[in-house]
Amino acid sequence: MLLYKFPTGPFKTNAILIGCPITKKGAVIDPAYLSTTQILDFAQKDGLTIEKILLTHSHWDHFGDAKVLKQKTGAELYVHPLDAQNLIKPGSDKLPLMIPLQPVQYDHFVNDGDRISVGEISFLVIHTPGHSPGGVCYYSRENNLLISGDTLFCGTIGNTQFPTSNADDMWISLKKLGQLPKETKVVPGHGPDTTIGQEQQWVS
């Protein structure tokens, strides 16, 4: 599996490019503001065709380049239904927008237990509300990898003080992640990578 991480935008949000080296199919997880140029450059270098845009949630810093990336690649956009409205009406989650942001149309919903394929790579969708109602993580058992969005970080967890956040939901979500193998690599929405084992204080 190919994986590239591009920290971009005001909060250095991790835009993630996933590629299947066998089929050359690709997906972008959380196309942060101003990440498109780097994403397309790396995709071209590896001969990847970007077919999917997967959102961990719909806070503006995680989908700032979703519309332009859709326009340039024709990729289809996936989001959990509880976070979909903020794509159609940015700012409806009551967070102040720090960048110029146009509405973007989603193509598909993701729900807990769904399987999303990127070529021969398979991701399990894990619904992890708390930071946002429709927050999800993407887990590849075969690659021992969790894309955790803003649910779990290196040394901390997602903010639960936002208008649509819920602290009780967050703790339930973290316990779900704690059921994954401790050696699972975690690539979060901001900051450095970690593992489930390193974050036992949050997920156990």
N, C-alpha and C. Protein backbone atom coordinates (compact mmCIF):
# COMPACT_ATOMS: atom_id res chain seq x y z
N MET A 1 0.83 -1.20 0.00
CA MET A 1 0.00 0.00 0.00
C MET A 1 0.86 1.25 0.00
N LEU A 2 0.48 2.21 -0.80
CA LEU A 2 1.15 3.50 -0.81
C LEU A 2 0.38 4.46 0.09
N LEU A 3 1.08 5.22 0.90
CA LEU A 3 0.44 6.21 1.76
C LEU A 3 1.32 7.45 1.85
N TYR A 4 0.74 8.58 1.51
CA TYR A 4 1.43 9.86 1.62
C TYR A 4 0.56 10.80 2.46
N LYS A 5 1.23 11.58 3.30
CA LYS A 5 0.54 12.51 4.21
C LYS A 5 1.00 13.93 3.93
N PHE A 6 0.04 14.84 3.77
CA PHE A 6 0.37 16.23 3.44
C PHE A 6 -0.27 17.15 4.48
N PRO A 7 0.48 17.61 5.48
CA PRO A 7 -0.08 18.55 6.46
C PRO A 7 -0.23 19.94 5.82
N THR A 8 -1.46 20.39 5.64
CA THR A 8 -1.71 21.66 4.96
C THR A 8 -2.84 22.43 5.63
N GLY A 9 -2.97 23.69 5.23
CA GLY A 9 -4.02 24.55 5.77
C GLY A 9 -3.62 25.18 7.08
N PRO A 10 -4.49 26.04 7.63
CA PRO A 10 -4.16 26.78 8.85
C PRO A 10 -3.83 25.90 10.05
N PHE A 11 -4.40 24.71 10.11
CA PHE A 11 -4.18 23.83 11.25
C PHE A 11 -3.32 22.61 10.88
N LYS A 12 -2.61 22.70 9.75
CA LYS A 12 -1.75 21.58 9.32
C LYS A 12 -2.52 20.26 9.35
N THR A 13 -3.69 20.28 8.74
CA THR A 13 -4.52 19.09 8.67
C THR A 13 -3.88 18.07 7.74
N ASN A 14 -3.87 16.82 8.15
CA ASN A 14 -3.24 15.77 7.36
C ASN A 14 -4.17 15.31 6.23
N ALA A 15 -3.88 15.79 5.02
CA ALA A 15 -4.51 15.21 3.83
C ALA A 15 -3.73 13.95 3.48
N ILE A 16 -4.45 12.85 3.21
CA ILE A 16 -3.81 11.55 3.05
C ILE A 16 -4.14 10.97 1.69
N LEU A 17 -3.11 10.59 0.95
CA LEU A 17 -3.27 9.90 -0.33
C LEU A 17 -2.96 8.42 -0.14
N ILE A 18 -3.93 7.57 -0.46
CA ILE A 18 -3.78 6.13 -0.39
C ILE A 18 -3.73 5.58 -1.81
N GLY A 19 -2.81 4.66 -2.09
CA GLY A 19 -2.73 4.07 -3.41
C GLY A 19 -2.54 2.57 -3.37
N CYS A 20 -3.19 1.88 -4.28
CA CYS A 20 -2.99 0.44 -4.43
C CYS A 20 -1.92 0.22 -5.50
N PRO A 21 -0.77 -0.32 -5.14
CA PRO A 21 0.32 -0.47 -6.11
C PRO A 21 0.02 -1.49 -7.20
N ILE A 22 -0.95 -2.36 -6.99
CA ILE A 22 -1.29 -3.39 -7.97
C ILE A 22 -2.23 -2.84 -9.05
N THR A 23 -3.32 -2.19 -8.60
CA THR A 23 -4.32 -1.69 -9.55
C THR A 23 -4.09 -0.24 -9.96
N LYS A 24 -3.25 0.46 -9.20
CA LYS A 24 -2.97 1.89 -9.42
C LYS A 24 -4.20 2.76 -9.16
N LYS A 25 -5.13 2.25 -8.36
CA LYS A 25 -6.28 3.06 -7.96
C LYS A 25 -5.94 3.78 -6.65
N GLY A 26 -6.49 5.00 -6.51
CA GLY A 26 -6.16 5.79 -5.34
C GLY A 26 -7.37 6.43 -4.70
N ALA A 27 -7.19 6.87 -3.47
CA ALA A 27 -8.21 7.60 -2.74
C ALA A 27 -7.53 8.67 -1.90
N VAL A 28 -8.25 9.74 -1.66
CA VAL A 28 -7.76 10.81 -0.79
C VAL A 28 -8.67 10.88 0.43
N ILE A 29 -8.06 10.88 1.59
CA ILE A 29 -8.80 11.02 2.84
C ILE A 29 -8.54 12.42 3.39
N ASP A 30 -9.63 13.18 3.55
CA ASP A 30 -9.59 14.54 4.10
C ASP A 30 -8.70 15.49 3.29
N PRO A 31 -9.17 15.91 2.11
CA PRO A 31 -8.40 16.85 1.28
C PRO A 31 -8.40 18.25 1.89
N ALA A 32 -7.42 18.52 2.70
CA ALA A 32 -7.33 19.80 3.41
C ALA A 32 -7.08 20.96 2.44
N TYR A 33 -7.34 22.14 2.91
CA TYR A 33 -7.18 23.36 2.12
C TYR A 33 -5.75 23.48 1.57
N LEU A 34 -5.66 23.67 0.26
CA LEU A 34 -4.40 23.86 -0.47
C LEU A 34 -3.56 22.57 -0.57
N SER A 35 -4.20 21.43 -0.43
CA SER A 35 -3.47 20.16 -0.53
C SER A 35 -3.48 19.56 -1.94
N THR A 36 -4.33 20.07 -2.83
CA THR A 36 -4.56 19.42 -4.12
C THR A 36 -3.30 19.29 -4.97
N THR A 37 -2.51 20.35 -5.05
CA THR A 37 -1.33 20.31 -5.92
C THR A 37 -0.38 19.19 -5.51
N GLN A 38 -0.10 19.08 -4.21
CA GLN A 38 0.79 18.02 -3.74
C GLN A 38 0.19 16.64 -3.98
N ILE A 39 -1.09 16.52 -3.73
CA ILE A 39 -1.76 15.23 -3.93
C ILE A 39 -1.66 14.79 -5.38
N LEU A 40 -1.97 15.68 -6.30
CA LEU A 40 -1.94 15.32 -7.72
C LEU A 40 -0.52 15.05 -8.20
N ASP A 41 0.44 15.78 -7.68
CA ASP A 41 1.84 15.54 -8.06
C ASP A 41 2.28 14.13 -7.66
N PHE A 42 1.96 13.73 -6.45
CA PHE A 42 2.37 12.40 -5.98
C PHE A 42 1.58 11.30 -6.68
N ALA A 43 0.30 11.57 -6.94
CA ALA A 43 -0.51 10.57 -7.66
C ALA A 43 0.05 10.35 -9.06
N GLN A 44 0.43 11.43 -9.72
CA GLN A 44 1.00 11.31 -11.07
C GLN A 44 2.33 10.56 -11.04
N LYS A 45 3.14 10.86 -10.04
CA LYS A 45 4.44 10.20 -9.92
C LYS A 45 4.29 8.68 -9.82
N ASP A 46 3.26 8.23 -9.12
CA ASP A 46 3.05 6.79 -8.93
C ASP A 46 2.04 6.21 -9.92
N GLY A 47 1.55 7.04 -10.83
CA GLY A 47 0.59 6.55 -11.81
C GLY A 47 -0.76 6.18 -11.23
N LEU A 48 -1.17 6.88 -10.17
CA LEU A 48 -2.43 6.57 -9.50
C LEU A 48 -3.60 7.34 -10.10
N THR A 49 -4.73 6.67 -10.20
CA THR A 49 -5.99 7.31 -10.59
C THR A 49 -6.83 7.49 -9.34
N ILE A 50 -7.09 8.72 -8.95
CA ILE A 50 -7.86 8.99 -7.73
C ILE A 50 -9.34 8.84 -8.03
N GLU A 51 -9.96 7.84 -7.41
CA GLU A 51 -11.37 7.53 -7.67
C GLU A 51 -12.30 7.91 -6.52
N LYS A 52 -11.75 8.05 -5.32
CA LYS A 52 -12.59 8.30 -4.15
C LYS A 52 -11.99 9.40 -3.29
N ILE A 53 -12.87 10.20 -2.69
CA ILE A 53 -12.51 11.15 -1.65
C ILE A 53 -13.29 10.75 -0.40
N LEU A 54 -12.58 10.35 0.64
CA LEU A 54 -13.20 9.86 1.87
C LEU A 54 -13.00 10.88 2.98
N LEU A 55 -14.08 11.27 3.62
CA LEU A 55 -13.98 12.22 4.73
C LEU A 55 -14.11 11.50 6.06
N THR A 56 -13.24 11.86 7.01
CA THR A 56 -13.41 11.36 8.37
C THR A 56 -14.51 12.15 9.09
N HIS A 57 -14.68 13.40 8.71
CA HIS A 57 -15.78 14.24 9.21
C HIS A 57 -15.79 15.52 8.38
N SER A 58 -16.77 16.38 8.64
CA SER A 58 -16.95 17.52 7.73
C SER A 58 -16.60 18.87 8.34
N HIS A 59 -15.70 18.92 9.31
CA HIS A 59 -15.19 20.22 9.74
C HIS A 59 -14.41 20.83 8.58
N TRP A 60 -14.47 22.14 8.43
CA TRP A 60 -13.99 22.80 7.22
C TRP A 60 -12.53 22.51 6.90
N ASP A 61 -11.71 22.33 7.94
CA ASP A 61 -10.28 22.11 7.67
C ASP A 61 -10.00 20.74 7.07
N HIS A 62 -10.99 19.85 7.07
CA HIS A 62 -10.80 18.51 6.52
C HIS A 62 -11.37 18.35 5.11
N PHE A 63 -12.15 19.31 4.65
CA PHE A 63 -12.66 19.18 3.28
C PHE A 63 -12.46 20.45 2.46
N GLY A 64 -11.50 21.28 2.86
CA GLY A 64 -11.29 22.56 2.20
C GLY A 64 -11.02 22.46 0.70
N ASP A 65 -10.38 21.37 0.27
CA ASP A 65 -10.08 21.20 -1.16
C ASP A 65 -10.93 20.12 -1.82
N ALA A 66 -12.00 19.70 -1.17
CA ALA A 66 -12.82 18.62 -1.73
C ALA A 66 -13.42 19.00 -3.08
N LYS A 67 -13.91 20.22 -3.21
CA LYS A 67 -14.56 20.60 -4.45
C LYS A 67 -13.57 20.66 -5.61
N VAL A 68 -12.42 21.30 -5.39
CA VAL A 68 -11.45 21.42 -6.47
C VAL A 68 -10.87 20.05 -6.83
N LEU A 69 -10.68 19.19 -5.84
CA LEU A 69 -10.15 17.86 -6.12
C LEU A 69 -11.16 17.04 -6.91
N LYS A 70 -12.45 17.18 -6.58
CA LYS A 70 -13.49 16.50 -7.36
C LYS A 70 -13.47 16.97 -8.81
N GLN A 71 -13.35 18.28 -8.98
CA GLN A 71 -13.36 18.85 -10.33
C GLN A 71 -12.17 18.37 -11.16
N LYS A 72 -11.03 18.23 -10.52
CA LYS A 72 -9.81 17.88 -11.25
C LYS A 72 -9.69 16.38 -11.51
N THR A 73 -10.34 15.55 -10.70
CA THR A 73 -10.16 14.11 -10.81
C THR A 73 -11.42 13.34 -11.18
N GLY A 74 -12.59 13.93 -10.92
CA GLY A 74 -13.84 13.20 -11.11
C GLY A 74 -14.11 12.20 -10.01
N ALA A 75 -13.34 12.26 -8.93
CA ALA A 75 -13.52 11.33 -7.82
C ALA A 75 -14.85 11.57 -7.12
N GLU A 76 -15.41 10.51 -6.54
CA GLU A 76 -16.67 10.61 -5.82
C GLU A 76 -16.41 10.80 -4.33
N LEU A 77 -17.27 11.60 -3.70
CA LEU A 77 -17.07 12.05 -2.32
C LEU A 77 -17.95 11.24 -1.36
N TYR A 78 -17.32 10.73 -0.30
CA TYR A 78 -17.99 9.90 0.69
C TYR A 78 -17.98 10.60 2.05
N VAL A 79 -19.12 10.57 2.75
CA VAL A 79 -19.23 11.20 4.07
C VAL A 79 -20.32 10.48 4.86
N HIS A 80 -20.22 10.50 6.18
CA HIS A 80 -21.28 9.94 7.01
C HIS A 80 -22.50 10.86 6.94
N PRO A 81 -23.72 10.31 6.93
CA PRO A 81 -24.91 11.15 6.79
C PRO A 81 -25.07 12.21 7.87
N LEU A 82 -24.59 11.95 9.07
CA LEU A 82 -24.74 12.93 10.15
C LEU A 82 -23.82 14.13 9.98
N ASP A 83 -22.86 14.05 9.08
CA ASP A 83 -21.96 15.18 8.82
C ASP A 83 -22.16 15.76 7.42
N ALA A 84 -23.13 15.26 6.68
CA ALA A 84 -23.28 15.65 5.27
C ALA A 84 -23.75 17.09 5.09
N GLN A 85 -24.60 17.58 5.98
CA GLN A 85 -25.18 18.91 5.80
C GLN A 85 -24.13 20.00 5.74
N ASN A 86 -23.03 19.83 6.46
CA ASN A 86 -22.01 20.88 6.49
C ASN A 86 -21.28 21.00 5.16
N LEU A 87 -21.35 19.99 4.32
CA LEU A 87 -20.76 20.09 2.98
C LEU A 87 -21.63 20.94 2.08
N ILE A 88 -22.94 20.79 2.22
CA ILE A 88 -23.89 21.53 1.40
C ILE A 88 -24.00 22.98 1.85
N LYS A 89 -23.91 23.16 3.16
CA LYS A 89 -23.99 24.50 3.75
C LYS A 89 -22.84 24.67 4.74
N PRO A 90 -21.64 24.99 4.23
CA PRO A 90 -20.49 25.14 5.13
C PRO A 90 -20.76 26.16 6.24
N GLY A 91 -20.39 25.79 7.46
CA GLY A 91 -20.66 26.65 8.61
C GLY A 91 -21.92 26.28 9.36
N SER A 92 -22.68 25.32 8.83
CA SER A 92 -23.90 24.91 9.53
C SER A 92 -23.59 24.17 10.83
N ASP A 93 -22.32 23.75 10.99
CA ASP A 93 -21.90 23.14 12.25
C ASP A 93 -21.52 24.20 13.29
N LYS A 94 -21.70 25.47 12.92
CA LYS A 94 -21.48 26.62 13.81
C LYS A 94 -20.02 26.87 14.14
N LEU A 95 -19.12 26.30 13.34
CA LEU A 95 -17.70 26.63 13.50
C LEU A 95 -17.36 27.78 12.56
N PRO A 96 -16.60 28.76 13.02
CA PRO A 96 -16.22 29.88 12.14
C PRO A 96 -15.29 29.41 11.03
N LEU A 97 -15.56 29.86 9.81
CA LEU A 97 -14.76 29.47 8.66
C LEU A 97 -13.56 30.40 8.53
N MET A 98 -12.37 29.83 8.45
CA MET A 98 -11.14 30.62 8.35
C MET A 98 -10.61 30.68 6.92
N ILE A 99 -11.30 30.03 5.99
CA ILE A 99 -10.89 30.03 4.59
C ILE A 99 -12.13 30.25 3.73
N PRO A 100 -11.95 30.75 2.49
CA PRO A 100 -13.09 30.81 1.58
C PRO A 100 -13.51 29.40 1.17
N LEU A 101 -14.74 29.04 1.43
CA LEU A 101 -15.16 27.65 1.25
C LEU A 101 -16.49 27.59 0.51
N GLN A 102 -16.50 26.90 -0.63
CA GLN A 102 -17.71 26.73 -1.41
C GLN A 102 -18.39 25.42 -1.04
N PRO A 103 -19.71 25.35 -1.15
CA PRO A 103 -20.40 24.07 -0.93
C PRO A 103 -19.89 23.01 -1.90
N VAL A 104 -19.95 21.77 -1.46
CA VAL A 104 -19.56 20.66 -2.32
C VAL A 104 -20.59 19.55 -2.16
N GLN A 105 -20.93 18.89 -3.27
CA GLN A 105 -21.95 17.85 -3.23
C GLN A 105 -21.31 16.49 -2.95
N TYR A 106 -21.82 15.81 -1.95
CA TYR A 106 -21.36 14.44 -1.68
C TYR A 106 -22.04 13.48 -2.66
N ASP A 107 -21.41 12.33 -2.85
CA ASP A 107 -21.94 11.30 -3.76
C ASP A 107 -22.45 10.07 -3.04
N HIS A 108 -21.81 9.73 -1.91
CA HIS A 108 -22.18 8.51 -1.20
C HIS A 108 -22.09 8.73 0.30
N PHE A 109 -22.94 8.01 1.04
CA PHE A 109 -22.82 7.96 2.49
C PHE A 109 -21.96 6.77 2.90
N VAL A 110 -21.24 6.93 4.01
CA VAL A 110 -20.58 5.80 4.67
C VAL A 110 -21.22 5.62 6.04
N ASN A 111 -21.40 4.37 6.42
CA ASN A 111 -21.98 4.05 7.72
C ASN A 111 -21.15 2.99 8.42
N ASP A 112 -21.34 2.87 9.71
CA ASP A 112 -20.58 1.92 10.51
C ASP A 112 -20.68 0.52 9.92
N GLY A 113 -19.53 -0.12 9.73
CA GLY A 113 -19.51 -1.47 9.20
C GLY A 113 -19.38 -1.58 7.70
N ASP A 114 -19.48 -0.46 6.99
CA ASP A 114 -19.30 -0.48 5.54
C ASP A 114 -17.87 -0.86 5.18
N ARG A 115 -17.71 -1.39 3.99
CA ARG A 115 -16.38 -1.68 3.43
C ARG A 115 -16.15 -0.78 2.23
N ILE A 116 -15.01 -0.11 2.23
CA ILE A 116 -14.63 0.77 1.13
C ILE A 116 -13.36 0.20 0.51
N SER A 117 -13.38 0.01 -0.80
CA SER A 117 -12.21 -0.54 -1.48
C SER A 117 -11.45 0.54 -2.22
N VAL A 118 -10.13 0.43 -2.16
CA VAL A 118 -9.23 1.25 -2.95
C VAL A 118 -8.35 0.26 -3.71
N GLY A 119 -8.79 -0.09 -4.91
CA GLY A 119 -8.13 -1.19 -5.60
C GLY A 119 -8.31 -2.46 -4.79
N GLU A 120 -7.20 -3.11 -4.42
CA GLU A 120 -7.25 -4.33 -3.63
C GLU A 120 -7.12 -4.07 -2.13
N ILE A 121 -7.13 -2.80 -1.74
CA ILE A 121 -7.09 -2.43 -0.32
C ILE A 121 -8.52 -2.28 0.18
N SER A 122 -8.80 -2.83 1.34
CA SER A 122 -10.14 -2.75 1.92
C SER A 122 -10.10 -2.01 3.24
N PHE A 123 -10.99 -1.04 3.39
CA PHE A 123 -11.12 -0.30 4.64
C PHE A 123 -12.48 -0.57 5.27
N LEU A 124 -12.48 -0.83 6.57
CA LEU A 124 -13.70 -0.93 7.35
C LEU A 124 -14.03 0.45 7.90
N VAL A 125 -15.27 0.88 7.74
CA VAL A 125 -15.72 2.15 8.30
C VAL A 125 -16.15 1.94 9.75
N ILE A 126 -15.55 2.70 10.66
CA ILE A 126 -15.91 2.64 12.07
C ILE A 126 -16.49 4.00 12.46
N HIS A 127 -17.78 4.03 12.79
CA HIS A 127 -18.41 5.29 13.20
C HIS A 127 -17.91 5.67 14.58
N THR A 128 -17.30 6.85 14.67
CA THR A 128 -16.71 7.30 15.94
C THR A 128 -17.19 8.71 16.27
N PRO A 129 -18.47 8.87 16.62
CA PRO A 129 -18.96 10.20 16.99
C PRO A 129 -18.30 10.69 18.27
N GLY A 130 -18.36 11.98 18.47
CA GLY A 130 -17.77 12.60 19.65
C GLY A 130 -17.23 13.96 19.29
N HIS A 131 -16.23 13.98 18.42
CA HIS A 131 -15.71 15.25 17.90
C HIS A 131 -16.73 15.88 16.97
N SER A 132 -17.38 15.06 16.17
CA SER A 132 -18.53 15.48 15.35
C SER A 132 -19.50 14.31 15.29
N PRO A 133 -20.78 14.57 15.00
CA PRO A 133 -21.77 13.48 15.02
C PRO A 133 -21.48 12.37 14.02
N GLY A 134 -20.96 12.75 12.86
CA GLY A 134 -20.72 11.79 11.80
C GLY A 134 -19.26 11.43 11.62
N GLY A 135 -18.47 11.57 12.66
CA GLY A 135 -17.07 11.22 12.55
C GLY A 135 -16.88 9.73 12.31
N VAL A 136 -15.94 9.39 11.44
CA VAL A 136 -15.63 7.99 11.18
C VAL A 136 -14.11 7.80 11.13
N CYS A 137 -13.69 6.56 11.34
CA CYS A 137 -12.31 6.15 11.11
C CYS A 137 -12.31 5.08 10.03
N TYR A 138 -11.20 4.94 9.34
CA TYR A 138 -11.05 3.93 8.29
C TYR A 138 -9.96 2.96 8.71
N TYR A 139 -10.32 1.67 8.79
CA TYR A 139 -9.40 0.66 9.31
C TYR A 139 -9.11 -0.40 8.27
N SER A 140 -7.84 -0.63 7.99
CA SER A 140 -7.40 -1.70 7.12
C SER A 140 -6.68 -2.75 7.96
N ARG A 141 -7.36 -3.87 8.20
CA ARG A 141 -6.75 -4.93 9.00
C ARG A 141 -5.51 -5.49 8.32
N GLU A 142 -5.60 -5.67 7.00
CA GLU A 142 -4.50 -6.27 6.25
C GLU A 142 -3.23 -5.41 6.32
N ASN A 143 -3.41 -4.11 6.39
CA ASN A 143 -2.28 -3.20 6.44
C ASN A 143 -1.99 -2.68 7.84
N ASN A 144 -2.77 -3.18 8.82
CA ASN A 144 -2.53 -2.82 10.22
C ASN A 144 -2.54 -1.30 10.40
N LEU A 145 -3.58 -0.68 9.82
CA LEU A 145 -3.62 0.79 9.71
C LEU A 145 -4.98 1.34 10.07
N LEU A 146 -4.99 2.41 10.87
CA LEU A 146 -6.21 3.14 11.19
C LEU A 146 -6.02 4.60 10.82
N ILE A 147 -6.90 5.12 9.98
CA ILE A 147 -6.96 6.56 9.71
C ILE A 147 -8.00 7.12 10.67
N SER A 148 -7.55 7.89 11.66
CA SER A 148 -8.40 8.19 12.81
C SER A 148 -9.06 9.57 12.78
N GLY A 149 -8.78 10.38 11.76
CA GLY A 149 -9.39 11.71 11.72
C GLY A 149 -9.07 12.49 12.98
N ASP A 150 -10.09 13.12 13.56
CA ASP A 150 -9.89 13.90 14.78
C ASP A 150 -10.45 13.18 16.01
N THR A 151 -10.50 11.86 15.94
CA THR A 151 -10.94 11.09 17.11
C THR A 151 -9.78 10.81 18.05
N LEU A 152 -8.67 10.31 17.50
CA LEU A 152 -7.52 9.94 18.32
C LEU A 152 -6.24 10.49 17.70
N PHE A 153 -5.42 11.14 18.51
CA PHE A 153 -4.14 11.70 18.09
C PHE A 153 -3.00 11.06 18.87
N CYS A 154 -1.80 11.46 18.54
CA CYS A 154 -0.64 11.06 19.31
C CYS A 154 -0.65 11.83 20.64
N GLY A 155 -0.97 11.15 21.71
CA GLY A 155 -0.94 11.75 23.03
C GLY A 155 -2.18 12.49 23.46
N THR A 156 -3.23 12.50 22.63
CA THR A 156 -4.45 13.21 23.03
C THR A 156 -5.62 12.73 22.19
N ILE A 157 -6.79 13.35 22.40
CA ILE A 157 -8.00 12.98 21.68
C ILE A 157 -8.65 14.23 21.09
N GLY A 158 -9.67 14.02 20.27
CA GLY A 158 -10.33 15.13 19.61
C GLY A 158 -11.08 16.05 20.57
N ASN A 159 -11.16 17.30 20.18
CA ASN A 159 -11.86 18.32 20.96
C ASN A 159 -13.36 17.99 21.05
N THR A 160 -13.90 18.01 22.25
CA THR A 160 -15.34 17.75 22.41
C THR A 160 -16.08 18.99 22.91
N GLN A 161 -15.49 20.17 22.69
CA GLN A 161 -16.11 21.41 23.15
C GLN A 161 -16.80 22.18 22.02
N PHE A 162 -16.81 21.62 20.82
CA PHE A 162 -17.45 22.30 19.69
C PHE A 162 -18.97 22.17 19.78
N PRO A 163 -19.71 23.02 19.06
CA PRO A 163 -21.18 23.02 19.18
C PRO A 163 -21.84 21.67 18.91
N THR A 164 -21.30 20.88 17.98
CA THR A 164 -21.94 19.59 17.67
C THR A 164 -21.17 18.40 18.26
N SER A 165 -20.23 18.68 19.16
CA SER A 165 -19.47 17.60 19.79
C SER A 165 -20.24 17.00 20.96
N ASN A 166 -19.78 15.80 21.38
CA ASN A 166 -20.44 15.13 22.51
C ASN A 166 -19.40 14.28 23.24
N ALA A 167 -19.06 14.68 24.44
CA ALA A 167 -17.99 13.99 25.18
C ALA A 167 -18.35 12.55 25.51
N ASP A 168 -19.61 12.29 25.86
CA ASP A 168 -20.01 10.92 26.18
C ASP A 168 -19.82 10.00 24.97
N ASP A 169 -20.22 10.50 23.79
CA ASP A 169 -20.03 9.72 22.58
C ASP A 169 -18.55 9.46 22.30
N MET A 170 -17.72 10.45 22.58
CA MET A 170 -16.29 10.31 22.32
C MET A 170 -15.70 9.14 23.10
N TRP A 171 -16.04 9.02 24.38
CA TRP A 171 -15.47 7.94 25.18
C TRP A 171 -15.92 6.57 24.69
N ILE A 172 -17.15 6.48 24.23
CA ILE A 172 -17.64 5.22 23.65
C ILE A 172 -16.86 4.89 22.37
N SER A 173 -16.64 5.92 21.55
CA SER A 173 -15.90 5.72 20.30
C SER A 173 -14.46 5.28 20.57
N LEU A 174 -13.82 5.89 21.55
CA LEU A 174 -12.44 5.53 21.86
C LEU A 174 -12.34 4.08 22.34
N LYS A 175 -13.32 3.62 23.10
CA LYS A 175 -13.31 2.23 23.54
C LYS A 175 -13.46 1.27 22.36
N LYS A 176 -14.20 1.69 21.33
CA LYS A 176 -14.29 0.87 20.11
C LYS A 176 -12.91 0.74 19.46
N LEU A 177 -12.17 1.84 19.41
CA LEU A 177 -10.83 1.78 18.83
C LEU A 177 -9.89 0.94 19.68
N GLY A 178 -10.14 0.92 20.97
CA GLY A 178 -9.30 0.14 21.86
C GLY A 178 -9.40 -1.36 21.64
N GLN A 179 -10.41 -1.81 20.88
CA GLN A 179 -10.56 -3.22 20.56
C GLN A 179 -9.65 -3.66 19.42
N LEU A 180 -9.04 -2.69 18.74
CA LEU A 180 -8.13 -3.02 17.65
C LEU A 180 -6.80 -3.52 18.21
N PRO A 181 -6.04 -4.27 17.42
CA PRO A 181 -4.73 -4.73 17.89
C PRO A 181 -3.84 -3.56 18.32
N LYS A 182 -3.09 -3.76 19.40
CA LYS A 182 -2.27 -2.68 19.95
C LYS A 182 -1.20 -2.19 18.98
N GLU A 183 -0.78 -3.07 18.05
CA GLU A 183 0.26 -2.68 17.10
C GLU A 183 -0.30 -1.90 15.91
N THR A 184 -1.60 -1.66 15.88
CA THR A 184 -2.21 -0.93 14.77
C THR A 184 -1.62 0.48 14.67
N LYS A 185 -1.12 0.81 13.49
CA LYS A 185 -0.60 2.15 13.25
C LYS A 185 -1.77 3.12 13.10
N VAL A 186 -1.68 4.26 13.76
CA VAL A 186 -2.72 5.28 13.71
C VAL A 186 -2.19 6.51 13.00
N VAL A 187 -2.86 6.89 11.92
CA VAL A 187 -2.53 8.12 11.21
C VAL A 187 -3.68 9.11 11.48
N PRO A 188 -3.43 10.12 12.30
CA PRO A 188 -4.51 11.03 12.73
C PRO A 188 -4.71 12.19 11.77
N GLY A 189 -5.72 13.00 12.09
CA GLY A 189 -6.03 14.16 11.25
C GLY A 189 -5.06 15.32 11.43
N HIS A 190 -4.30 15.31 12.49
CA HIS A 190 -3.29 16.35 12.74
C HIS A 190 -2.13 15.69 13.49
N GLY A 191 -0.93 16.16 13.23
CA GLY A 191 0.22 15.72 14.01
C GLY A 191 0.79 14.38 13.57
N PRO A 192 1.73 13.86 14.39
CA PRO A 192 2.46 12.64 14.02
C PRO A 192 1.63 11.38 14.21
N ASP A 193 2.13 10.29 13.62
CA ASP A 193 1.50 8.99 13.75
C ASP A 193 1.72 8.43 15.15
N THR A 194 0.91 7.43 15.49
CA THR A 194 1.05 6.74 16.77
C THR A 194 0.58 5.32 16.58
N THR A 195 0.32 4.60 17.67
CA THR A 195 -0.27 3.27 17.61
C THR A 195 -1.37 3.17 18.66
N ILE A 196 -2.24 2.18 18.48
CA ILE A 196 -3.27 1.95 19.49
C ILE A 196 -2.62 1.63 20.84
N GLY A 197 -1.54 0.88 20.82
CA GLY A 197 -0.85 0.52 22.05
C GLY A 197 -0.30 1.71 22.79
N GLN A 198 0.19 2.70 22.05
CA GLN A 198 0.75 3.89 22.68
C GLN A 198 -0.34 4.78 23.30
N GLU A 199 -1.58 4.59 22.88
CA GLU A 199 -2.66 5.48 23.34
C GLU A 199 -3.63 4.75 24.28
N GLN A 200 -3.12 3.76 25.01
CA GLN A 200 -3.99 2.98 25.89
C GLN A 200 -4.67 3.83 26.97
N GLN A 201 -4.04 4.94 27.35
CA GLN A 201 -4.68 5.78 28.39
C GLN A 201 -6.01 6.35 27.90
N TRP A 202 -6.19 6.43 26.57
CA TRP A 202 -7.41 7.00 26.02
C TRP A 202 -8.41 5.94 25.57
N VAL A 203 -7.92 4.81 25.13
CA VAL A 203 -8.81 3.85 24.46
C VAL A 203 -9.15 2.63 25.32
N SER A 204 -8.62 2.54 26.53
CA SER A 204 -8.90 1.35 27.35
C SER A 204 -9.91 1.69 28.46
